[in-house]
Amino acid sequence: MENARGTVFKYGDNVDTDVIIPARYLNNTDPKDLAKHCMEDIDKDFVNKVQEGDIIVATKNFGCGSSREHAPISIKAAGVSCVIADTFARIFYRNSINIGLPIVECPEAANEISSGDCVNVDFNSGIITDETTGKKYKGQAFPPFMQKIIDCGGLVNYLNS
């Protein structure tokens, strides 16, 4: 599994699935179309600024709300390589792994990393490096079976491989 490296988009507590991908777009399941509306109700400029490989950092309870898979799909399709948070809603955590979006829980990193910082995440060791400040954080490394699921692009692809 490769490292993730990108510029940070920072959000606070309780970013729910309704602001990740608003309900008015749920009639569409095309990832590219969902990506066009990712985060628009919390950050109108996100879709215009996000670059392939960028990273979302948030504090507590990221992905709370409904259990829609559209939320992690829109984040991944927007080019985000990883989401780091203090905590994740459990269903969002499962949905993210199921669709192949790497997510890392690390309270210290989530609270200290700032928007615009350049961050590198080593999924094998769990080490998160804020290249802007030089500070390192220890997140949870992915177990090998989860790395395989993410490498395959999600659970369905993993099971079909």
N, C-alpha and C. Protein backbone atom coordinates (compact mmCIF):
# COMPACT_ATOMS: atom_id res chain seq x y z
N MET A 1 0.84 -1.17 0.00
CA MET A 1 0.00 0.00 0.00
C MET A 1 0.89 1.24 0.00
N GLU A 2 0.63 2.14 -0.91
CA GLU A 2 1.43 3.35 -1.04
C GLU A 2 1.10 4.36 0.05
N ASN A 3 2.02 5.27 0.29
CA ASN A 3 1.77 6.38 1.20
C ASN A 3 0.80 7.36 0.55
N ALA A 4 0.16 8.15 1.39
CA ALA A 4 -0.67 9.27 0.91
C ALA A 4 0.12 10.54 1.20
N ARG A 5 0.08 11.49 0.27
CA ARG A 5 0.75 12.77 0.48
C ARG A 5 -0.06 13.85 -0.22
N GLY A 6 -0.38 14.89 0.55
CA GLY A 6 -1.16 15.96 -0.05
C GLY A 6 -1.37 17.13 0.88
N THR A 7 -2.06 18.12 0.36
CA THR A 7 -2.41 19.32 1.11
C THR A 7 -3.67 19.06 1.92
N VAL A 8 -3.71 19.62 3.11
CA VAL A 8 -4.80 19.37 4.05
C VAL A 8 -5.96 20.35 3.88
N PHE A 9 -7.16 19.77 3.90
CA PHE A 9 -8.40 20.51 4.07
C PHE A 9 -8.89 20.16 5.47
N LYS A 10 -9.02 21.14 6.34
CA LYS A 10 -9.30 20.89 7.76
C LYS A 10 -10.74 21.26 8.11
N TYR A 11 -11.38 20.36 8.86
CA TYR A 11 -12.75 20.55 9.32
C TYR A 11 -12.83 20.21 10.80
N GLY A 12 -13.93 20.59 11.43
CA GLY A 12 -14.10 20.41 12.87
C GLY A 12 -14.85 19.14 13.24
N ASP A 13 -15.58 19.22 14.34
CA ASP A 13 -16.35 18.10 14.87
C ASP A 13 -17.64 17.88 14.08
N ASN A 14 -18.11 16.63 14.11
CA ASN A 14 -19.44 16.25 13.64
C ASN A 14 -19.73 16.64 12.19
N VAL A 15 -18.76 16.43 11.32
CA VAL A 15 -19.00 16.62 9.89
C VAL A 15 -19.84 15.43 9.43
N ASP A 16 -21.11 15.70 9.15
CA ASP A 16 -22.01 14.59 8.85
C ASP A 16 -22.10 14.32 7.35
N THR A 17 -22.68 13.19 7.04
CA THR A 17 -22.76 12.75 5.65
C THR A 17 -23.62 13.69 4.81
N ASP A 18 -24.51 14.46 5.44
CA ASP A 18 -25.33 15.42 4.69
C ASP A 18 -24.52 16.60 4.18
N VAL A 19 -23.44 16.95 4.85
CA VAL A 19 -22.60 18.03 4.31
C VAL A 19 -21.47 17.47 3.46
N ILE A 20 -21.11 16.21 3.66
CA ILE A 20 -20.11 15.59 2.78
C ILE A 20 -20.69 15.46 1.38
N ILE A 21 -21.89 14.92 1.28
CA ILE A 21 -22.61 14.88 0.01
C ILE A 21 -24.09 15.13 0.31
N PRO A 22 -24.58 16.32 -0.03
CA PRO A 22 -25.95 16.69 0.29
C PRO A 22 -26.98 15.73 -0.31
N ALA A 23 -28.06 15.53 0.43
CA ALA A 23 -29.11 14.58 0.04
C ALA A 23 -29.69 14.87 -1.34
N ARG A 24 -29.65 16.13 -1.75
CA ARG A 24 -30.25 16.47 -3.06
C ARG A 24 -29.51 15.82 -4.23
N TYR A 25 -28.32 15.24 -3.98
CA TYR A 25 -27.55 14.60 -5.04
C TYR A 25 -27.56 13.07 -4.95
N LEU A 26 -28.33 12.53 -4.04
CA LEU A 26 -28.31 11.08 -3.82
C LEU A 26 -29.02 10.27 -4.88
N ASN A 27 -29.72 10.93 -5.78
CA ASN A 27 -30.35 10.19 -6.88
C ASN A 27 -29.33 9.79 -7.94
N ASN A 28 -28.09 10.21 -7.76
CA ASN A 28 -27.01 9.89 -8.70
C ASN A 28 -26.00 8.99 -8.00
N THR A 29 -25.57 7.95 -8.67
CA THR A 29 -24.58 7.06 -8.07
C THR A 29 -23.23 7.10 -8.79
N ASP A 30 -23.11 7.94 -9.81
CA ASP A 30 -21.85 8.05 -10.55
C ASP A 30 -20.82 8.79 -9.68
N PRO A 31 -19.72 8.13 -9.32
CA PRO A 31 -18.72 8.76 -8.45
C PRO A 31 -18.22 10.12 -8.96
N LYS A 32 -18.03 10.26 -10.27
CA LYS A 32 -17.55 11.54 -10.82
C LYS A 32 -18.56 12.66 -10.60
N ASP A 33 -19.83 12.34 -10.74
CA ASP A 33 -20.87 13.34 -10.49
C ASP A 33 -20.97 13.67 -9.01
N LEU A 34 -20.86 12.68 -8.15
CA LEU A 34 -20.89 12.93 -6.71
C LEU A 34 -19.71 13.80 -6.29
N ALA A 35 -18.55 13.56 -6.88
CA ALA A 35 -17.35 14.32 -6.53
C ALA A 35 -17.53 15.81 -6.79
N LYS A 36 -18.33 16.16 -7.79
CA LYS A 36 -18.55 17.57 -8.13
C LYS A 36 -19.27 18.33 -7.01
N HIS A 37 -19.88 17.59 -6.09
CA HIS A 37 -20.66 18.23 -5.02
C HIS A 37 -20.11 17.89 -3.63
N CYS A 38 -18.98 17.23 -3.59
CA CYS A 38 -18.38 16.83 -2.32
C CYS A 38 -18.08 18.05 -1.45
N MET A 39 -18.52 18.03 -0.23
CA MET A 39 -18.27 19.04 0.81
C MET A 39 -18.89 20.41 0.50
N GLU A 40 -19.73 20.52 -0.51
CA GLU A 40 -20.19 21.85 -0.93
C GLU A 40 -21.02 22.57 0.13
N ASP A 41 -21.69 21.86 1.02
CA ASP A 41 -22.50 22.55 2.04
C ASP A 41 -21.68 22.99 3.25
N ILE A 42 -20.43 22.59 3.32
CA ILE A 42 -19.56 23.03 4.41
C ILE A 42 -18.38 23.85 3.89
N ASP A 43 -18.03 23.63 2.60
CA ASP A 43 -16.87 24.31 2.01
C ASP A 43 -17.10 24.44 0.51
N LYS A 44 -17.71 25.54 0.11
CA LYS A 44 -18.07 25.76 -1.30
C LYS A 44 -16.88 25.68 -2.26
N ASP A 45 -15.68 26.02 -1.78
CA ASP A 45 -14.50 26.04 -2.64
C ASP A 45 -13.77 24.69 -2.71
N PHE A 46 -14.18 23.72 -1.91
CA PHE A 46 -13.47 22.45 -1.85
C PHE A 46 -13.27 21.83 -3.23
N VAL A 47 -14.36 21.68 -4.00
CA VAL A 47 -14.25 20.99 -5.29
C VAL A 47 -13.39 21.75 -6.29
N ASN A 48 -13.25 23.05 -6.11
CA ASN A 48 -12.42 23.84 -7.01
C ASN A 48 -10.95 23.83 -6.60
N LYS A 49 -10.68 23.51 -5.36
CA LYS A 49 -9.30 23.55 -4.86
C LYS A 49 -8.67 22.18 -4.66
N VAL A 50 -9.47 21.16 -4.39
CA VAL A 50 -8.91 19.84 -4.09
C VAL A 50 -8.13 19.31 -5.28
N GLN A 51 -6.97 18.74 -5.00
CA GLN A 51 -6.11 18.13 -6.01
C GLN A 51 -5.97 16.64 -5.71
N GLU A 52 -5.68 15.87 -6.72
CA GLU A 52 -5.45 14.43 -6.55
C GLU A 52 -4.40 14.22 -5.45
N GLY A 53 -4.75 13.42 -4.46
CA GLY A 53 -3.83 13.10 -3.37
C GLY A 53 -4.03 13.92 -2.11
N ASP A 54 -4.82 14.99 -2.17
CA ASP A 54 -5.03 15.81 -0.99
C ASP A 54 -5.67 15.01 0.15
N ILE A 55 -5.62 15.58 1.33
CA ILE A 55 -6.01 14.87 2.55
C ILE A 55 -7.02 15.71 3.33
N ILE A 56 -8.06 15.07 3.82
CA ILE A 56 -9.01 15.72 4.73
C ILE A 56 -8.60 15.39 6.15
N VAL A 57 -8.55 16.41 7.00
CA VAL A 57 -8.31 16.22 8.43
C VAL A 57 -9.49 16.83 9.16
N ALA A 58 -10.03 16.10 10.13
CA ALA A 58 -11.16 16.59 10.91
C ALA A 58 -11.00 16.14 12.35
N THR A 59 -11.79 16.73 13.21
CA THR A 59 -11.67 16.35 14.62
C THR A 59 -12.64 15.20 14.92
N LYS A 60 -13.55 15.35 15.84
CA LYS A 60 -14.36 14.23 16.32
C LYS A 60 -15.56 13.91 15.46
N ASN A 61 -15.84 12.60 15.36
CA ASN A 61 -17.08 12.08 14.81
C ASN A 61 -17.28 12.39 13.33
N PHE A 62 -16.22 12.31 12.54
CA PHE A 62 -16.33 12.57 11.10
C PHE A 62 -17.19 11.48 10.46
N GLY A 63 -18.12 11.91 9.60
CA GLY A 63 -18.96 10.96 8.87
C GLY A 63 -20.19 10.51 9.63
N CYS A 64 -20.58 11.26 10.66
CA CYS A 64 -21.78 10.91 11.41
C CYS A 64 -23.01 11.15 10.53
N GLY A 65 -24.15 10.73 11.00
CA GLY A 65 -25.38 10.93 10.24
C GLY A 65 -25.82 9.65 9.56
N SER A 66 -26.36 9.77 8.39
CA SER A 66 -26.92 8.60 7.70
C SER A 66 -25.81 7.65 7.24
N SER A 67 -26.22 6.47 6.88
CA SER A 67 -25.25 5.41 6.54
C SER A 67 -24.91 5.36 5.06
N ARG A 68 -25.18 6.43 4.33
CA ARG A 68 -25.00 6.41 2.88
C ARG A 68 -23.53 6.19 2.47
N GLU A 69 -23.34 5.28 1.54
CA GLU A 69 -22.01 5.05 0.98
C GLU A 69 -21.59 6.19 0.07
N HIS A 70 -22.53 7.01 -0.36
CA HIS A 70 -22.24 8.13 -1.24
C HIS A 70 -21.17 9.04 -0.65
N ALA A 71 -21.14 9.19 0.68
CA ALA A 71 -20.21 10.13 1.32
C ALA A 71 -18.75 9.73 1.08
N PRO A 72 -18.32 8.52 1.47
CA PRO A 72 -16.93 8.19 1.17
C PRO A 72 -16.64 8.05 -0.32
N ILE A 73 -17.63 7.65 -1.10
CA ILE A 73 -17.44 7.56 -2.55
C ILE A 73 -17.14 8.94 -3.12
N SER A 74 -17.88 9.96 -2.69
CA SER A 74 -17.65 11.31 -3.21
C SER A 74 -16.29 11.84 -2.81
N ILE A 75 -15.86 11.53 -1.60
CA ILE A 75 -14.53 11.97 -1.13
C ILE A 75 -13.43 11.32 -1.97
N LYS A 76 -13.54 10.01 -2.14
CA LYS A 76 -12.53 9.29 -2.92
C LYS A 76 -12.52 9.76 -4.38
N ALA A 77 -13.69 9.92 -4.95
CA ALA A 77 -13.79 10.35 -6.35
C ALA A 77 -13.29 11.78 -6.55
N ALA A 78 -13.32 12.59 -5.51
CA ALA A 78 -12.80 13.96 -5.59
C ALA A 78 -11.28 13.98 -5.61
N GLY A 79 -10.65 12.83 -5.35
CA GLY A 79 -9.19 12.75 -5.40
C GLY A 79 -8.52 12.70 -4.05
N VAL A 80 -9.30 12.72 -2.97
CA VAL A 80 -8.73 12.68 -1.62
C VAL A 80 -8.09 11.31 -1.40
N SER A 81 -6.84 11.32 -0.92
CA SER A 81 -6.10 10.07 -0.74
C SER A 81 -6.26 9.47 0.64
N CYS A 82 -6.74 10.27 1.61
CA CYS A 82 -6.85 9.79 2.98
C CYS A 82 -7.66 10.78 3.79
N VAL A 83 -8.36 10.28 4.78
CA VAL A 83 -9.02 11.13 5.77
C VAL A 83 -8.44 10.78 7.13
N ILE A 84 -8.01 11.81 7.84
CA ILE A 84 -7.49 11.65 9.20
C ILE A 84 -8.47 12.34 10.13
N ALA A 85 -8.85 11.68 11.22
CA ALA A 85 -9.75 12.30 12.19
C ALA A 85 -9.44 11.80 13.59
N ASP A 86 -9.92 12.56 14.55
CA ASP A 86 -9.84 12.15 15.95
C ASP A 86 -10.65 10.86 16.10
N THR A 87 -11.90 10.90 15.63
CA THR A 87 -12.77 9.71 15.61
C THR A 87 -13.65 9.76 14.38
N PHE A 88 -14.12 8.59 13.97
CA PHE A 88 -15.04 8.45 12.85
C PHE A 88 -16.32 7.81 13.34
N ALA A 89 -17.43 8.16 12.70
CA ALA A 89 -18.66 7.40 12.91
C ALA A 89 -18.39 5.99 12.39
N ARG A 90 -18.84 5.00 13.12
CA ARG A 90 -18.51 3.60 12.79
C ARG A 90 -19.00 3.20 11.40
N ILE A 91 -20.21 3.57 11.02
CA ILE A 91 -20.70 3.16 9.71
C ILE A 91 -19.90 3.84 8.60
N PHE A 92 -19.48 5.09 8.81
CA PHE A 92 -18.63 5.77 7.83
C PHE A 92 -17.29 5.04 7.73
N TYR A 93 -16.75 4.63 8.85
CA TYR A 93 -15.48 3.89 8.86
C TYR A 93 -15.61 2.63 8.00
N ARG A 94 -16.65 1.85 8.25
CA ARG A 94 -16.85 0.60 7.49
C ARG A 94 -17.08 0.88 6.01
N ASN A 95 -17.92 1.88 5.72
CA ASN A 95 -18.18 2.21 4.32
C ASN A 95 -16.91 2.66 3.60
N SER A 96 -16.06 3.40 4.29
CA SER A 96 -14.81 3.89 3.68
C SER A 96 -13.91 2.72 3.31
N ILE A 97 -13.71 1.81 4.21
CA ILE A 97 -12.88 0.63 3.92
C ILE A 97 -13.53 -0.18 2.80
N ASN A 98 -14.84 -0.34 2.87
CA ASN A 98 -15.55 -1.12 1.85
C ASN A 98 -15.40 -0.57 0.44
N ILE A 99 -15.22 0.76 0.31
CA ILE A 99 -15.07 1.33 -1.03
C ILE A 99 -13.60 1.68 -1.34
N GLY A 100 -12.70 1.39 -0.40
CA GLY A 100 -11.27 1.57 -0.66
C GLY A 100 -10.74 2.96 -0.35
N LEU A 101 -11.38 3.69 0.57
CA LEU A 101 -10.89 5.01 0.99
C LEU A 101 -10.13 4.85 2.31
N PRO A 102 -8.82 5.10 2.32
CA PRO A 102 -8.05 4.98 3.56
C PRO A 102 -8.43 6.06 4.57
N ILE A 103 -8.66 5.64 5.81
CA ILE A 103 -8.96 6.57 6.89
C ILE A 103 -8.11 6.20 8.10
N VAL A 104 -7.66 7.21 8.83
CA VAL A 104 -6.76 6.98 9.96
C VAL A 104 -7.25 7.76 11.16
N GLU A 105 -7.41 7.08 12.29
CA GLU A 105 -7.74 7.77 13.53
C GLU A 105 -6.46 8.14 14.26
N CYS A 106 -6.34 9.42 14.57
CA CYS A 106 -5.18 9.91 15.31
C CYS A 106 -5.56 11.25 15.94
N PRO A 107 -6.01 11.23 17.20
CA PRO A 107 -6.48 12.46 17.84
C PRO A 107 -5.45 13.60 17.83
N GLU A 108 -4.21 13.31 18.14
CA GLU A 108 -3.20 14.35 18.20
C GLU A 108 -3.01 15.03 16.84
N ALA A 109 -2.87 14.23 15.79
CA ALA A 109 -2.72 14.78 14.44
C ALA A 109 -3.96 15.57 14.04
N ALA A 110 -5.13 15.02 14.32
CA ALA A 110 -6.38 15.67 13.93
C ALA A 110 -6.53 17.04 14.57
N ASN A 111 -6.04 17.19 15.78
CA ASN A 111 -6.18 18.45 16.49
C ASN A 111 -5.07 19.45 16.17
N GLU A 112 -3.89 18.97 15.77
CA GLU A 112 -2.74 19.86 15.59
C GLU A 112 -2.46 20.25 14.14
N ILE A 113 -2.78 19.39 13.21
CA ILE A 113 -2.51 19.69 11.79
C ILE A 113 -3.45 20.80 11.34
N SER A 114 -2.92 21.71 10.54
CA SER A 114 -3.70 22.87 10.08
C SER A 114 -4.06 22.76 8.60
N SER A 115 -5.10 23.46 8.23
CA SER A 115 -5.50 23.56 6.83
C SER A 115 -4.34 24.14 6.02
N GLY A 116 -4.06 23.55 4.87
CA GLY A 116 -2.98 24.03 4.01
C GLY A 116 -1.65 23.35 4.26
N ASP A 117 -1.51 22.64 5.40
CA ASP A 117 -0.26 21.91 5.65
C ASP A 117 -0.10 20.79 4.63
N CYS A 118 1.15 20.42 4.36
CA CYS A 118 1.43 19.26 3.52
C CYS A 118 1.69 18.09 4.45
N VAL A 119 0.96 17.00 4.25
CA VAL A 119 1.02 15.85 5.15
C VAL A 119 1.30 14.58 4.36
N ASN A 120 2.11 13.71 4.97
CA ASN A 120 2.43 12.40 4.41
C ASN A 120 1.96 11.34 5.39
N VAL A 121 1.26 10.32 4.90
CA VAL A 121 0.76 9.24 5.74
C VAL A 121 1.36 7.93 5.26
N ASP A 122 2.07 7.25 6.15
CA ASP A 122 2.62 5.93 5.86
C ASP A 122 1.64 4.91 6.42
N PHE A 123 0.90 4.26 5.54
CA PHE A 123 -0.13 3.33 5.98
C PHE A 123 0.44 2.07 6.63
N ASN A 124 1.66 1.69 6.27
CA ASN A 124 2.27 0.50 6.85
C ASN A 124 2.64 0.70 8.31
N SER A 125 3.14 1.88 8.66
CA SER A 125 3.57 2.14 10.03
C SER A 125 2.55 2.94 10.82
N GLY A 126 1.66 3.64 10.13
CA GLY A 126 0.72 4.51 10.81
C GLY A 126 1.30 5.89 11.12
N ILE A 127 2.52 6.16 10.66
CA ILE A 127 3.17 7.44 10.94
C ILE A 127 2.61 8.52 10.01
N ILE A 128 2.16 9.60 10.62
CA ILE A 128 1.66 10.77 9.91
C ILE A 128 2.69 11.87 10.10
N THR A 129 3.22 12.40 9.01
CA THR A 129 4.22 13.45 9.09
C THR A 129 3.64 14.74 8.52
N ASP A 130 3.61 15.77 9.36
CA ASP A 130 3.23 17.09 8.89
C ASP A 130 4.50 17.72 8.35
N GLU A 131 4.66 17.69 7.03
CA GLU A 131 5.89 18.18 6.40
C GLU A 131 6.04 19.69 6.55
N THR A 132 4.95 20.39 6.81
CA THR A 132 5.00 21.84 7.00
C THR A 132 5.64 22.19 8.34
N THR A 133 5.28 21.45 9.38
CA THR A 133 5.81 21.75 10.73
C THR A 133 6.94 20.82 11.14
N GLY A 134 7.09 19.68 10.44
CA GLY A 134 8.10 18.70 10.80
C GLY A 134 7.66 17.75 11.90
N LYS A 135 6.47 17.90 12.41
CA LYS A 135 5.98 17.06 13.51
C LYS A 135 5.46 15.73 12.98
N LYS A 136 5.72 14.67 13.77
CA LYS A 136 5.25 13.32 13.43
C LYS A 136 4.24 12.85 14.47
N TYR A 137 3.28 12.07 13.99
CA TYR A 137 2.23 11.54 14.84
C TYR A 137 2.11 10.04 14.58
N LYS A 138 1.68 9.31 15.59
CA LYS A 138 1.51 7.86 15.44
C LYS A 138 0.02 7.53 15.37
N GLY A 139 -0.44 7.25 14.16
CA GLY A 139 -1.81 6.78 13.97
C GLY A 139 -1.81 5.26 13.93
N GLN A 140 -2.96 4.69 13.69
CA GLN A 140 -3.05 3.24 13.59
C GLN A 140 -2.65 2.77 12.20
N ALA A 141 -1.74 1.81 12.16
CA ALA A 141 -1.38 1.19 10.89
C ALA A 141 -2.53 0.29 10.44
N PHE A 142 -2.67 0.14 9.14
CA PHE A 142 -3.69 -0.76 8.63
C PHE A 142 -3.20 -2.19 8.72
N PRO A 143 -4.04 -3.11 9.24
CA PRO A 143 -3.67 -4.51 9.19
C PRO A 143 -3.56 -4.97 7.73
N PRO A 144 -2.75 -5.98 7.47
CA PRO A 144 -2.54 -6.42 6.08
C PRO A 144 -3.83 -6.71 5.30
N PHE A 145 -4.83 -7.33 5.94
CA PHE A 145 -6.06 -7.65 5.20
C PHE A 145 -6.80 -6.37 4.79
N MET A 146 -6.76 -5.33 5.62
CA MET A 146 -7.40 -4.06 5.25
C MET A 146 -6.61 -3.36 4.16
N GLN A 147 -5.29 -3.48 4.19
CA GLN A 147 -4.47 -2.91 3.13
C GLN A 147 -4.82 -3.56 1.79
N LYS A 148 -5.05 -4.87 1.81
CA LYS A 148 -5.40 -5.57 0.57
C LYS A 148 -6.74 -5.09 0.03
N ILE A 149 -7.71 -4.89 0.93
CA ILE A 149 -9.03 -4.40 0.51
C ILE A 149 -8.89 -3.03 -0.13
N ILE A 150 -8.14 -2.13 0.51
CA ILE A 150 -7.96 -0.77 -0.02
C ILE A 150 -7.18 -0.80 -1.33
N ASP A 151 -6.12 -1.61 -1.39
CA ASP A 151 -5.34 -1.73 -2.62
C ASP A 151 -6.18 -2.21 -3.80
N CYS A 152 -7.16 -3.05 -3.52
CA CYS A 152 -8.04 -3.58 -4.58
C CYS A 152 -9.12 -2.57 -4.97
N GLY A 153 -9.22 -1.48 -4.24
CA GLY A 153 -10.24 -0.49 -4.55
C GLY A 153 -11.56 -0.72 -3.83
N GLY A 154 -11.54 -1.60 -2.83
CA GLY A 154 -12.74 -1.84 -2.04
C GLY A 154 -13.02 -3.31 -1.86
N LEU A 155 -14.01 -3.60 -1.02
CA LEU A 155 -14.33 -4.97 -0.64
C LEU A 155 -14.83 -5.82 -1.81
N VAL A 156 -15.69 -5.27 -2.64
CA VAL A 156 -16.22 -6.04 -3.78
C VAL A 156 -15.09 -6.45 -4.71
N ASN A 157 -14.21 -5.51 -5.05
CA ASN A 157 -13.09 -5.86 -5.92
C ASN A 157 -12.16 -6.87 -5.26
N TYR A 158 -11.97 -6.73 -3.96
CA TYR A 158 -11.12 -7.68 -3.21
C TYR A 158 -11.71 -9.09 -3.29
N LEU A 159 -13.02 -9.20 -3.06
CA LEU A 159 -13.67 -10.51 -3.10
C LEU A 159 -13.68 -11.11 -4.50
N ASN A 160 -13.68 -10.27 -5.51
CA ASN A 160 -13.70 -10.75 -6.89
C ASN A 160 -12.29 -11.01 -7.45
N SER A 161 -11.25 -10.67 -6.68
CA SER A 161 -9.89 -10.86 -7.19
C SER A 161 -9.35 -12.25 -6.92
